[in-house]
Amino acid sequence: MQTMSMTMTKSRGLFRKENLPLMGAVAFLAFVVLAGPAFAGTDTTFDTAFTKFTAFLEGSGGKIITIISLALGLVGMASGRFSLGQIALPVGVGIGVGTGVPIVTSTVTAVI
């Protein structure tokens, strides 16, 4: 009776250390066999949001962001602490908003 209880406590069933590589291989094989195909570029889930956001940045939204950035730069200059960053930052924001959206869009499309 005592030997039977010792073997029951030593054996942990399926999750023994010796079975881990086999279980990993079975799990990997299950993922490979049961995984569905993924096709890049065929999903249209975010097309409407992407179109609205792009139109906003390329249209009046981009102009508003640039004007606000320029106004903050002018306020900073009027406060007496002049630096080149207060001029360069609004110019960079304007260039980034104006031309950045098509560049990022074409880069992401090319990668996918």
PDB file of N, CA and C in Angstrom:
ATOM      1  N   MET A   1       0.804  -1.182   0.000  1.00  0.00           N
ATOM      2  CA  MET A   1       0.000   0.000   0.000  1.00  0.00           C
ATOM      3  C   MET A   1       0.863   1.268   0.000  1.00  0.00           C
ATOM      4  N   GLN A   2       1.947   1.175   0.703  1.00  0.00           N
ATOM      5  CA  GLN A   2       2.821   2.336   0.809  1.00  0.00           C
ATOM      6  C   GLN A   2       3.502   2.639  -0.525  1.00  0.00           C
ATOM      7  N   THR A   3       3.875   1.652  -1.296  1.00  0.00           N
ATOM      8  CA  THR A   3       4.520   1.872  -2.590  1.00  0.00           C
ATOM      9  C   THR A   3       3.550   2.497  -3.585  1.00  0.00           C
ATOM     10  N   MET A   4       2.296   2.128  -3.487  1.00  0.00           N
ATOM     11  CA  MET A   4       1.315   2.696  -4.392  1.00  0.00           C
ATOM     12  C   MET A   4       1.103   4.193  -4.130  1.00  0.00           C
ATOM     13  N   SER A   5       1.086   4.604  -2.889  1.00  0.00           N
ATOM     14  CA  SER A   5       0.909   6.012  -2.577  1.00  0.00           C
ATOM     15  C   SER A   5       2.138   6.822  -2.967  1.00  0.00           C
ATOM     16  N   MET A   6       3.338   6.225  -2.928  1.00  0.00           N
ATOM     17  CA  MET A   6       4.548   6.932  -3.340  1.00  0.00           C
ATOM     18  C   MET A   6       4.555   7.160  -4.842  1.00  0.00           C
ATOM     19  N   THR A   7       4.138   6.184  -5.614  1.00  0.00           N
ATOM     20  CA  THR A   7       4.109   6.373  -7.058  1.00  0.00           C
ATOM     21  C   THR A   7       3.028   7.357  -7.463  1.00  0.00           C
ATOM     22  N   MET A   8       1.964   7.432  -6.735  1.00  0.00           N
ATOM     23  CA  MET A   8       0.906   8.389  -7.049  1.00  0.00           C
ATOM     24  C   MET A   8       1.367   9.821  -6.769  1.00  0.00           C
ATOM     25  N   THR A   9       2.170  10.006  -5.745  1.00  0.00           N
ATOM     26  CA  THR A   9       2.627  11.357  -5.441  1.00  0.00           C
ATOM     27  C   THR A   9       3.760  11.781  -6.353  1.00  0.00           C
ATOM     28  N   LYS A  10       4.589  10.855  -6.833  1.00  0.00           N
ATOM     29  CA  LYS A  10       5.685  11.197  -7.736  1.00  0.00           C
ATOM     30  C   LYS A  10       5.159  11.544  -9.120  1.00  0.00           C
ATOM     31  N   SER A  11       4.182  10.841  -9.584  1.00  0.00           N
ATOM     32  CA  SER A  11       3.645  11.066 -10.910  1.00  0.00           C
ATOM     33  C   SER A  11       2.674  12.248 -10.867  1.00  0.00           C
ATOM     34  N   ARG A  12       2.939  13.241 -11.715  1.00  0.00           N
ATOM     35  CA  ARG A  12       2.048  14.396 -11.777  1.00  0.00           C
ATOM     36  C   ARG A  12       1.171  14.359 -13.015  1.00  0.00           C
ATOM     37  N   GLY A  13       1.133  13.245 -13.663  1.00  0.00           N
ATOM     38  CA  GLY A  13       0.264  13.108 -14.819  1.00  0.00           C
ATOM     39  C   GLY A  13       0.901  13.625 -16.093  1.00  0.00           C
ATOM     40  N   LEU A  14       0.134  14.288 -16.909  1.00  0.00           N
ATOM     41  CA  LEU A  14       0.567  14.746 -18.222  1.00  0.00           C
ATOM     42  C   LEU A  14       1.583  15.879 -18.148  1.00  0.00           C
ATOM     43  N   PHE A  15       1.560  16.676 -17.105  1.00  0.00           N
ATOM     44  CA  PHE A  15       2.406  17.857 -17.011  1.00  0.00           C
ATOM     45  C   PHE A  15       3.740  17.586 -16.328  1.00  0.00           C
ATOM     46  N   ARG A  16       4.345  16.460 -16.620  1.00  0.00           N
ATOM     47  CA  ARG A  16       5.657  16.153 -16.072  1.00  0.00           C
ATOM     48  C   ARG A  16       6.722  16.864 -16.882  1.00  0.00           C
ATOM     49  N   LYS A  17       7.888  17.010 -16.301  1.00  0.00           N
ATOM     50  CA  LYS A  17       8.991  17.699 -16.953  1.00  0.00           C
ATOM     51  C   LYS A  17       9.397  16.988 -18.246  1.00  0.00           C
ATOM     52  N   GLU A  18       9.295  15.680 -18.279  1.00  0.00           N
ATOM     53  CA  GLU A  18       9.692  14.926 -19.460  1.00  0.00           C
ATOM     54  C   GLU A  18       8.739  15.158 -20.632  1.00  0.00           C
ATOM     55  N   ASN A  19       7.504  15.523 -20.350  1.00  0.00           N
ATOM     56  CA  ASN A  19       6.499  15.691 -21.403  1.00  0.00           C
ATOM     57  C   ASN A  19       6.440  17.104 -21.969  1.00  0.00           C
ATOM     58  N   LEU A  20       7.155  18.052 -21.397  1.00  0.00           N
ATOM     59  CA  LEU A  20       7.046  19.450 -21.847  1.00  0.00           C
ATOM     60  C   LEU A  20       7.473  19.650 -23.301  1.00  0.00           C
ATOM     61  N   PRO A  21       8.599  19.082 -23.775  1.00  0.00           N
ATOM     62  CA  PRO A  21       8.926  19.274 -25.198  1.00  0.00           C
ATOM     63  C   PRO A  21       7.863  18.689 -26.135  1.00  0.00           C
ATOM     64  N   LEU A  22       7.335  17.533 -25.772  1.00  0.00           N
ATOM     65  CA  LEU A  22       6.291  16.929 -26.597  1.00  0.00           C
ATOM     66  C   LEU A  22       5.032  17.787 -26.618  1.00  0.00           C
ATOM     67  N   MET A  23       4.647  18.303 -25.451  1.00  0.00           N
ATOM     68  CA  MET A  23       3.456  19.161 -25.385  1.00  0.00           C
ATOM     69  C   MET A  23       3.665  20.451 -26.161  1.00  0.00           C
ATOM     70  N   GLY A  24       4.876  21.013 -26.111  1.00  0.00           N
ATOM     71  CA  GLY A  24       5.170  22.218 -26.887  1.00  0.00           C
ATOM     72  C   GLY A  24       5.078  21.962 -28.374  1.00  0.00           C
ATOM     73  N   ALA A  25       5.605  20.829 -28.815  1.00  0.00           N
ATOM     74  CA  ALA A  25       5.537  20.477 -30.230  1.00  0.00           C
ATOM     75  C   ALA A  25       4.095  20.264 -30.678  1.00  0.00           C
ATOM     76  N   VAL A  26       3.286  19.629 -29.836  1.00  0.00           N
ATOM     77  CA  VAL A  26       1.872  19.410 -30.172  1.00  0.00           C
ATOM     78  C   VAL A  26       1.135  20.745 -30.243  1.00  0.00           C
ATOM     79  N   ALA A  27       1.409  21.655 -29.310  1.00  0.00           N
ATOM     80  CA  ALA A  27       0.753  22.969 -29.329  1.00  0.00           C
ATOM     81  C   ALA A  27       1.159  23.759 -30.564  1.00  0.00           C
ATOM     82  N   PHE A  28       2.453  23.729 -30.914  1.00  0.00           N
ATOM     83  CA  PHE A  28       2.920  24.436 -32.107  1.00  0.00           C
ATOM     84  C   PHE A  28       2.268  23.867 -33.360  1.00  0.00           C
ATOM     85  N   LEU A  29       2.217  22.560 -33.460  1.00  0.00           N
ATOM     86  CA  LEU A  29       1.587  21.920 -34.608  1.00  0.00           C
ATOM     87  C   LEU A  29       0.100  22.271 -34.696  1.00  0.00           C
ATOM     88  N   ALA A  30      -0.574  22.340 -33.560  1.00  0.00           N
ATOM     89  CA  ALA A  30      -1.990  22.713 -33.553  1.00  0.00           C
ATOM     90  C   ALA A  30      -2.177  24.149 -34.045  1.00  0.00           C
ATOM     91  N   PHE A  31      -1.298  25.049 -33.616  1.00  0.00           N
ATOM     92  CA  PHE A  31      -1.395  26.439 -34.091  1.00  0.00           C
ATOM     93  C   PHE A  31      -1.144  26.530 -35.590  1.00  0.00           C
ATOM     94  N   VAL A  32      -0.183  25.775 -36.087  1.00  0.00           N
ATOM     95  CA  VAL A  32       0.129  25.822 -37.512  1.00  0.00           C
ATOM     96  C   VAL A  32      -1.010  25.246 -38.341  1.00  0.00           C
ATOM     97  N   VAL A  33      -1.550  24.131 -37.904  1.00  0.00           N
ATOM     98  CA  VAL A  33      -2.608  23.463 -38.676  1.00  0.00           C
ATOM     99  C   VAL A  33      -3.923  24.237 -38.602  1.00  0.00           C
ATOM    100  N   LEU A  34      -4.253  24.771 -37.447  1.00  0.00           N
ATOM    101  CA  LEU A  34      -5.558  25.399 -37.264  1.00  0.00           C
ATOM    102  C   LEU A  34      -5.580  26.894 -37.576  1.00  0.00           C
ATOM    103  N   ALA A  35      -4.423  27.497 -37.861  1.00  0.00           N
ATOM    104  CA  ALA A  35      -4.378  28.936 -38.139  1.00  0.00           C
ATOM    105  C   ALA A  35      -4.989  29.216 -39.508  1.00  0.00           C
ATOM    106  N   GLY A  36      -5.783  30.255 -39.561  1.00  0.00           N
ATOM    107  CA  GLY A  36      -6.380  30.642 -40.827  1.00  0.00           C
ATOM    108  C   GLY A  36      -5.447  31.560 -41.600  1.00  0.00           C
ATOM    109  N   PRO A  37      -5.637  31.676 -42.894  1.00  0.00           N
ATOM    110  CA  PRO A  37      -4.768  32.541 -43.686  1.00  0.00           C
ATOM    111  C   PRO A  37      -5.032  34.017 -43.385  1.00  0.00           C
ATOM    112  N   ALA A  38      -3.976  34.807 -43.440  1.00  0.00           N
ATOM    113  CA  ALA A  38      -4.084  36.255 -43.228  1.00  0.00           C
ATOM    114  C   ALA A  38      -3.633  36.947 -44.501  1.00  0.00           C
ATOM    115  N   PHE A  39      -4.497  37.768 -45.055  1.00  0.00           N
ATOM    116  CA  PHE A  39      -4.182  38.481 -46.277  1.00  0.00           C
ATOM    117  C   PHE A  39      -4.058  39.957 -45.969  1.00  0.00           C
ATOM    118  N   ALA A  40      -2.900  40.513 -46.237  1.00  0.00           N
ATOM    119  CA  ALA A  40      -2.657  41.925 -45.943  1.00  0.00           C
ATOM    120  C   ALA A  40      -3.339  42.790 -46.999  1.00  0.00           C
ATOM    121  N   GLY A  41      -3.943  43.857 -46.537  1.00  0.00           N
ATOM    122  CA  GLY A  41      -4.537  44.808 -47.450  1.00  0.00           C
ATOM    123  C   GLY A  41      -5.965  44.521 -47.854  1.00  0.00           C
ATOM    124  N   THR A  42      -6.525  43.406 -47.456  1.00  0.00           N
ATOM    125  CA  THR A  42      -7.888  43.102 -47.874  1.00  0.00           C
ATOM    126  C   THR A  42      -8.914  43.524 -46.839  1.00  0.00           C
ATOM    127  N   ASP A  43      -8.470  43.934 -45.668  1.00  0.00           N
ATOM    128  CA  ASP A  43      -9.401  44.307 -44.608  1.00  0.00           C
ATOM    129  C   ASP A  43      -9.809  45.766 -44.784  1.00  0.00           C
ATOM    130  N   THR A  44     -11.080  46.054 -44.714  1.00  0.00           N
ATOM    131  CA  THR A  44     -11.580  47.420 -44.877  1.00  0.00           C
ATOM    132  C   THR A  44     -12.221  47.938 -43.592  1.00  0.00           C
ATOM    133  N   THR A  45     -11.803  47.399 -42.452  1.00  0.00           N
ATOM    134  CA  THR A  45     -12.420  47.766 -41.186  1.00  0.00           C
ATOM    135  C   THR A  45     -12.217  49.241 -40.870  1.00  0.00           C
ATOM    136  N   PHE A  46     -11.005  49.744 -41.049  1.00  0.00           N
ATOM    137  CA  PHE A  46     -10.684  51.111 -40.637  1.00  0.00           C
ATOM    138  C   PHE A  46     -10.650  52.092 -41.800  1.00  0.00           C
ATOM    139  N   ASP A  47     -11.180  51.730 -42.949  1.00  0.00           N
ATOM    140  CA  ASP A  47     -11.121  52.624 -44.104  1.00  0.00           C
ATOM    141  C   ASP A  47     -11.889  53.925 -43.883  1.00  0.00           C
ATOM    142  N   THR A  48     -13.064  53.862 -43.281  1.00  0.00           N
ATOM    143  CA  THR A  48     -13.823  55.102 -43.094  1.00  0.00           C
ATOM    144  C   THR A  48     -13.138  56.025 -42.103  1.00  0.00           C
ATOM    145  N   ALA A  49     -12.615  55.483 -41.006  1.00  0.00           N
ATOM    146  CA  ALA A  49     -11.906  56.319 -40.036  1.00  0.00           C
ATOM    147  C   ALA A  49     -10.622  56.875 -40.641  1.00  0.00           C
ATOM    148  N   PHE A  50      -9.917  56.052 -41.407  1.00  0.00           N
ATOM    149  CA  PHE A  50      -8.687  56.511 -42.052  1.00  0.00           C
ATOM    150  C   PHE A  50      -8.977  57.633 -43.041  1.00  0.00           C
ATOM    151  N   THR A  51     -10.037  57.492 -43.818  1.00  0.00           N
ATOM    152  CA  THR A  51     -10.394  58.521 -44.799  1.00  0.00           C
ATOM    153  C   THR A  51     -10.762  59.826 -44.110  1.00  0.00           C
ATOM    154  N   LYS A  52     -11.544  59.756 -43.030  1.00  0.00           N
ATOM    155  CA  LYS A  52     -11.936  60.972 -42.316  1.00  0.00           C
ATOM    156  C   LYS A  52     -10.732  61.651 -41.655  1.00  0.00           C
ATOM    157  N   PHE A  53      -9.864  60.857 -41.035  1.00  0.00           N
ATOM    158  CA  PHE A  53      -8.695  61.424 -40.360  1.00  0.00           C
ATOM    159  C   PHE A  53      -7.734  62.043 -41.361  1.00  0.00           C
ATOM    160  N   THR A  54      -7.524  61.383 -42.491  1.00  0.00           N
ATOM    161  CA  THR A  54      -6.651  61.926 -43.528  1.00  0.00           C
ATOM    162  C   THR A  54      -7.224  63.219 -44.097  1.00  0.00           C
ATOM    163  N   ALA A  55      -8.518  63.227 -44.363  1.00  0.00           N
ATOM    164  CA  ALA A  55      -9.154  64.439 -44.888  1.00  0.00           C
ATOM    165  C   ALA A  55      -9.071  65.581 -43.878  1.00  0.00           C
ATOM    166  N   PHE A  56      -9.212  65.259 -42.594  1.00  0.00           N
ATOM    167  CA  PHE A  56      -9.117  66.284 -41.552  1.00  0.00           C
ATOM    168  C   PHE A  56      -7.721  66.892 -41.515  1.00  0.00           C
ATOM    169  N   LEU A  57      -6.692  66.056 -41.543  1.00  0.00           N
ATOM    170  CA  LEU A  57      -5.325  66.581 -41.455  1.00  0.00           C
ATOM    171  C   LEU A  57      -4.907  67.319 -42.715  1.00  0.00           C
ATOM    172  N   GLU A  58      -5.342  66.854 -43.873  1.00  0.00           N
ATOM    173  CA  GLU A  58      -4.975  67.521 -45.115  1.00  0.00           C
ATOM    174  C   GLU A  58      -5.826  68.759 -45.385  1.00  0.00           C
ATOM    175  N   GLY A  59      -6.938  68.877 -44.708  1.00  0.00           N
ATOM    176  CA  GLY A  59      -7.831  70.014 -44.951  1.00  0.00           C
ATOM    177  C   GLY A  59      -7.743  71.056 -43.861  1.00  0.00           C
ATOM    178  N   SER A  60      -8.891  71.433 -43.326  1.00  0.00           N
ATOM    179  CA  SER A  60      -8.952  72.521 -42.354  1.00  0.00           C
ATOM    180  C   SER A  60      -8.310  72.149 -41.021  1.00  0.00           C
ATOM    181  N   GLY A  61      -8.334  70.875 -40.655  1.00  0.00           N
ATOM    182  CA  GLY A  61      -7.719  70.464 -39.386  1.00  0.00           C
ATOM    183  C   GLY A  61      -6.225  70.711 -39.366  1.00  0.00           C
ATOM    184  N   GLY A  62      -5.549  70.414 -40.469  1.00  0.00           N
ATOM    185  CA  GLY A  62      -4.113  70.665 -40.559  1.00  0.00           C
ATOM    186  C   GLY A  62      -3.791  72.147 -40.482  1.00  0.00           C
ATOM    187  N   LYS A  63      -4.643  72.958 -41.111  1.00  0.00           N
ATOM    188  CA  LYS A  63      -4.435  74.410 -41.048  1.00  0.00           C
ATOM    189  C   LYS A  63      -4.634  74.925 -39.627  1.00  0.00           C
ATOM    190  N   ILE A  64      -5.636  74.409 -38.943  1.00  0.00           N
ATOM    191  CA  ILE A  64      -5.892  74.835 -37.562  1.00  0.00           C
ATOM    192  C   ILE A  64      -4.725  74.445 -36.658  1.00  0.00           C
ATOM    193  N   ILE A  65      -4.232  73.218 -36.811  1.00  0.00           N
ATOM    194  CA  ILE A  65      -3.091  72.780 -36.004  1.00  0.00           C
ATOM    195  C   ILE A  65      -1.873  73.655 -36.269  1.00  0.00           C
ATOM    196  N   THR A  66      -1.623  73.994 -37.533  1.00  0.00           N
ATOM    197  CA  THR A  66      -0.487  74.843 -37.871  1.00  0.00           C
ATOM    198  C   THR A  66      -0.655  76.238 -37.302  1.00  0.00           C
ATOM    199  N   ILE A  67      -1.840  76.815 -37.379  1.00  0.00           N
ATOM    200  CA  ILE A  67      -2.073  78.164 -36.852  1.00  0.00           C
ATOM    201  C   ILE A  67      -1.932  78.187 -35.338  1.00  0.00           C
ATOM    202  N   ILE A  68      -2.447  77.170 -34.664  1.00  0.00           N
ATOM    203  CA  ILE A  68      -2.298  77.103 -33.200  1.00  0.00           C
ATOM    204  C   ILE A  68      -0.825  76.990 -32.827  1.00  0.00           C
ATOM    205  N   SER A  69      -0.079  76.181 -33.553  1.00  0.00           N
ATOM    206  CA  SER A  69       1.354  76.044 -33.282  1.00  0.00           C
ATOM    207  C   SER A  69       2.085  77.360 -33.519  1.00  0.00           C
ATOM    208  N   LEU A  70       1.721  78.055 -34.577  1.00  0.00           N
ATOM    209  CA  LEU A  70       2.341  79.360 -34.860  1.00  0.00           C
ATOM    210  C   LEU A  70       1.982  80.369 -33.781  1.00  0.00           C
ATOM    211  N   ALA A  71       0.734  80.368 -33.337  1.00  0.00           N
ATOM    212  CA  ALA A  71       0.314  81.288 -32.280  1.00  0.00           C
ATOM    213  C   ALA A  71       1.068  81.008 -30.985  1.00  0.00           C
ATOM    214  N   LEU A  72       1.256  79.750 -30.638  1.00  0.00           N
ATOM    215  CA  LEU A  72       2.020  79.431 -29.430  1.00  0.00           C
ATOM    216  C   LEU A  72       3.467  79.877 -29.560  1.00  0.00           C
ATOM    217  N   GLY A  73       4.033  79.759 -30.756  1.00  0.00           N
ATOM    218  CA  GLY A  73       5.395  80.254 -30.981  1.00  0.00           C
ATOM    219  C   GLY A  73       5.484  81.758 -30.837  1.00  0.00           C
ATOM    220  N   LEU A  74       4.476  82.462 -31.351  1.00  0.00           N
ATOM    221  CA  LEU A  74       4.471  83.936 -31.229  1.00  0.00           C
ATOM    222  C   LEU A  74       4.290  84.375 -29.777  1.00  0.00           C
ATOM    223  N   VAL A  75       3.457  83.670 -29.027  1.00  0.00           N
ATOM    224  CA  VAL A  75       3.277  83.988 -27.614  1.00  0.00           C
ATOM    225  C   VAL A  75       4.580  83.758 -26.860  1.00  0.00           C
ATOM    226  N   GLY A  76       5.273  82.694 -27.194  1.00  0.00           N
ATOM    227  CA  GLY A  76       6.564  82.439 -26.563  1.00  0.00           C
ATOM    228  C   GLY A  76       7.580  83.509 -26.883  1.00  0.00           C
ATOM    229  N   MET A  77       7.574  83.994 -28.128  1.00  0.00           N
ATOM    230  CA  MET A  77       8.502  85.072 -28.494  1.00  0.00           C
ATOM    231  C   MET A  77       8.119  86.380 -27.816  1.00  0.00           C
ATOM    232  N   ALA A  78       6.832  86.639 -27.676  1.00  0.00           N
ATOM    233  CA  ALA A  78       6.387  87.881 -27.047  1.00  0.00           C
ATOM    234  C   ALA A  78       6.695  87.898 -25.552  1.00  0.00           C
ATOM    235  N   SER A  79       6.834  86.727 -24.960  1.00  0.00           N
ATOM    236  CA  SER A  79       7.137  86.698 -23.531  1.00  0.00           C
ATOM    237  C   SER A  79       8.584  87.060 -23.241  1.00  0.00           C
ATOM    238  N   GLY A  80       9.390  87.224 -24.275  1.00  0.00           N
ATOM    239  CA  GLY A  80      10.749  87.708 -24.065  1.00  0.00           C
ATOM    240  C   GLY A  80      11.807  86.629 -24.122  1.00  0.00           C
ATOM    241  N   ARG A  81      11.453  85.407 -24.276  1.00  0.00           N
ATOM    242  CA  ARG A  81      12.473  84.363 -24.336  1.00  0.00           C
ATOM    243  C   ARG A  81      12.529  83.818 -25.764  1.00  0.00           C
ATOM    244  N   PHE A  82      13.253  84.513 -26.612  1.00  0.00           N
ATOM    245  CA  PHE A  82      13.339  84.159 -28.023  1.00  0.00           C
ATOM    246  C   PHE A  82      14.290  82.983 -28.215  1.00  0.00           C
ATOM    247  N   SER A  83      13.857  82.044 -29.037  1.00  0.00           N
ATOM    248  CA  SER A  83      14.732  80.952 -29.462  1.00  0.00           C
ATOM    249  C   SER A  83      14.319  80.528 -30.864  1.00  0.00           C
ATOM    250  N   LEU A  84      15.241  79.902 -31.544  1.00  0.00           N
ATOM    251  CA  LEU A  84      14.972  79.468 -32.908  1.00  0.00           C
ATOM    252  C   LEU A  84      13.904  78.374 -32.950  1.00  0.00           C
ATOM    253  N   GLY A  85      13.757  77.612 -31.872  1.00  0.00           N
ATOM    254  CA  GLY A  85      12.753  76.561 -31.816  1.00  0.00           C
ATOM    255  C   GLY A  85      11.336  77.096 -31.898  1.00  0.00           C
ATOM    256  N   GLN A  86      11.119  78.334 -31.446  1.00  0.00           N
ATOM    257  CA  GLN A  86       9.772  78.911 -31.501  1.00  0.00           C
ATOM    258  C   GLN A  86       9.374  79.276 -32.924  1.00  0.00           C
ATOM    259  N   ILE A  87      10.339  79.378 -33.807  1.00  0.00           N
ATOM    260  CA  ILE A  87      10.047  79.598 -35.219  1.00  0.00           C
ATOM    261  C   ILE A  87      10.041  78.260 -35.964  1.00  0.00           C
ATOM    262  N   ALA A  88      11.027  77.427 -35.652  1.00  0.00           N
ATOM    263  CA  ALA A  88      11.186  76.171 -36.387  1.00  0.00           C
ATOM    264  C   ALA A  88      10.076  75.173 -36.071  1.00  0.00           C
ATOM    265  N   LEU A  89       9.584  75.165 -34.854  1.00  0.00           N
ATOM    266  CA  LEU A  89       8.545  74.207 -34.491  1.00  0.00           C
ATOM    267  C   LEU A  89       7.247  74.424 -35.272  1.00  0.00           C
ATOM    268  N   PRO A  90       6.709  75.631 -35.356  1.00  0.00           N
ATOM    269  CA  PRO A  90       5.494  75.808 -36.174  1.00  0.00           C
ATOM    270  C   PRO A  90       5.724  75.496 -37.651  1.00  0.00           C
ATOM    271  N   VAL A  91       6.899  75.835 -38.164  1.00  0.00           N
ATOM    272  CA  VAL A  91       7.193  75.515 -39.564  1.00  0.00           C
ATOM    273  C   VAL A  91       7.246  73.995 -39.752  1.00  0.00           C
ATOM    274  N   GLY A  92       7.883  73.297 -38.809  1.00  0.00           N
ATOM    275  CA  GLY A  92       7.946  71.834 -38.883  1.00  0.00           C
ATOM    276  C   GLY A  92       6.584  71.183 -38.757  1.00  0.00           C
ATOM    277  N   VAL A  93       5.738  71.733 -37.877  1.00  0.00           N
ATOM    278  CA  VAL A  93       4.381  71.197 -37.729  1.00  0.00           C
ATOM    279  C   VAL A  93       3.596  71.400 -39.014  1.00  0.00           C
ATOM    280  N   GLY A  94       3.721  72.575 -39.614  1.00  0.00           N
ATOM    281  CA  GLY A  94       3.016  72.838 -40.876  1.00  0.00           C
ATOM    282  C   GLY A  94       3.467  71.925 -41.993  1.00  0.00           C
ATOM    283  N   ILE A  95       4.764  71.719 -42.099  1.00  0.00           N
ATOM    284  CA  ILE A  95       5.281  70.812 -43.132  1.00  0.00           C
ATOM    285  C   ILE A  95       4.864  69.377 -42.836  1.00  0.00           C
ATOM    286  N   GLY A  96       4.935  68.996 -41.568  1.00  0.00           N
ATOM    287  CA  GLY A  96       4.571  67.636 -41.196  1.00  0.00           C
ATOM    288  C   GLY A  96       3.110  67.331 -41.442  1.00  0.00           C
ATOM    289  N   VAL A  97       2.244  68.286 -41.119  1.00  0.00           N
ATOM    290  CA  VAL A  97       0.808  68.070 -41.332  1.00  0.00           C
ATOM    291  C   VAL A  97       0.476  68.121 -42.809  1.00  0.00           C
ATOM    292  N   GLY A  98       1.120  69.011 -43.533  1.00  0.00           N
ATOM    293  CA  GLY A  98       0.800  69.161 -44.949  1.00  0.00           C
ATOM    294  C   GLY A  98       1.302  68.033 -45.821  1.00  0.00           C
ATOM    295  N   THR A  99       2.536  67.615 -45.590  1.00  0.00           N
ATOM    296  CA  THR A  99       3.118  66.589 -46.460  1.00  0.00           C
ATOM    297  C   THR A  99       3.340  65.259 -45.763  1.00  0.00           C
ATOM    298  N   GLY A 100       3.218  65.226 -44.463  1.00  0.00           N
ATOM    299  CA  GLY A 100       3.497  63.995 -43.729  1.00  0.00           C
ATOM    300  C   GLY A 100       2.476  62.911 -43.944  1.00  0.00           C
ATOM    301  N   VAL A 101       1.209  63.288 -44.073  1.00  0.00           N
ATOM    302  CA  VAL A 101       0.149  62.288 -44.223  1.00  0.00           C
ATOM    303  C   VAL A 101       0.325  61.475 -45.507  1.00  0.00           C
ATOM    304  N   PRO A 102       0.547  62.088 -46.675  1.00  0.00           N
ATOM    305  CA  PRO A 102       0.757  61.263 -47.875  1.00  0.00           C
ATOM    306  C   PRO A 102       2.022  60.419 -47.807  1.00  0.00           C
ATOM    307  N   ILE A 103       3.071  60.946 -47.166  1.00  0.00           N
ATOM    308  CA  ILE A 103       4.314  60.175 -47.058  1.00  0.00           C
ATOM    309  C   ILE A 103       4.097  58.946 -46.191  1.00  0.00           C
ATOM    310  N   VAL A 104       3.456  59.131 -45.047  1.00  0.00           N
ATOM    311  CA  VAL A 104       3.206  58.000 -44.154  1.00  0.00           C
ATOM    312  C   VAL A 104       2.261  57.009 -44.813  1.00  0.00           C
ATOM    313  N   THR A 105       1.241  57.491 -45.484  1.00  0.00           N
ATOM    314  CA  THR A 105       0.283  56.603 -46.147  1.00  0.00           C
ATOM    315  C   THR A 105       0.967  55.763 -47.216  1.00  0.00           C
ATOM    316  N   SER A 106       1.803  56.389 -48.037  1.00  0.00           N
ATOM    317  CA  SER A 106       2.484  55.630 -49.102  1.00  0.00           C
ATOM    318  C   SER A 106       3.508  54.669 -48.512  1.00  0.00           C
ATOM    319  N   THR A 107       4.156  55.042 -47.419  1.00  0.00           N
ATOM    320  CA  THR A 107       5.123  54.137 -46.792  1.00  0.00           C
ATOM    321  C   THR A 107       4.420  52.912 -46.210  1.00  0.00           C
ATOM    322  N   VAL A 108       3.315  53.121 -45.500  1.00  0.00           N
ATOM    323  CA  VAL A 108       2.590  52.006 -44.910  1.00  0.00           C
ATOM    324  C   VAL A 108       2.019  51.116 -46.000  1.00  0.00           C
ATOM    325  N   THR A 109       1.511  51.691 -47.070  1.00  0.00           N
ATOM    326  CA  THR A 109       0.972  50.903 -48.177  1.00  0.00           C
ATOM    327  C   THR A 109       2.067  50.093 -48.844  1.00  0.00           C
ATOM    328  N   ALA A 110       3.266  50.679 -48.981  1.00  0.00           N
ATOM    329  CA  ALA A 110       4.377  49.967 -49.616  1.00  0.00           C
ATOM    330  C   ALA A 110       4.866  48.823 -48.748  1.00  0.00           C
ATOM    331  N   VAL A 111       4.856  49.008 -47.426  1.00  0.00           N
ATOM    332  CA  VAL A 111       5.328  47.952 -46.526  1.00  0.00           C
ATOM    333  C   VAL A 111       4.355  46.789 -46.518  1.00  0.00           C
ATOM    334  N   ILE A 112       3.066  47.103 -46.488  1.00  0.00           N
ATOM    335  CA  ILE A 112       2.051  46.040 -46.447  1.00  0.00           C
ATOM    336  C   ILE A 112       1.949  45.415 -47.794  1.00  0.00           C
TER     337      ILE A 112
END
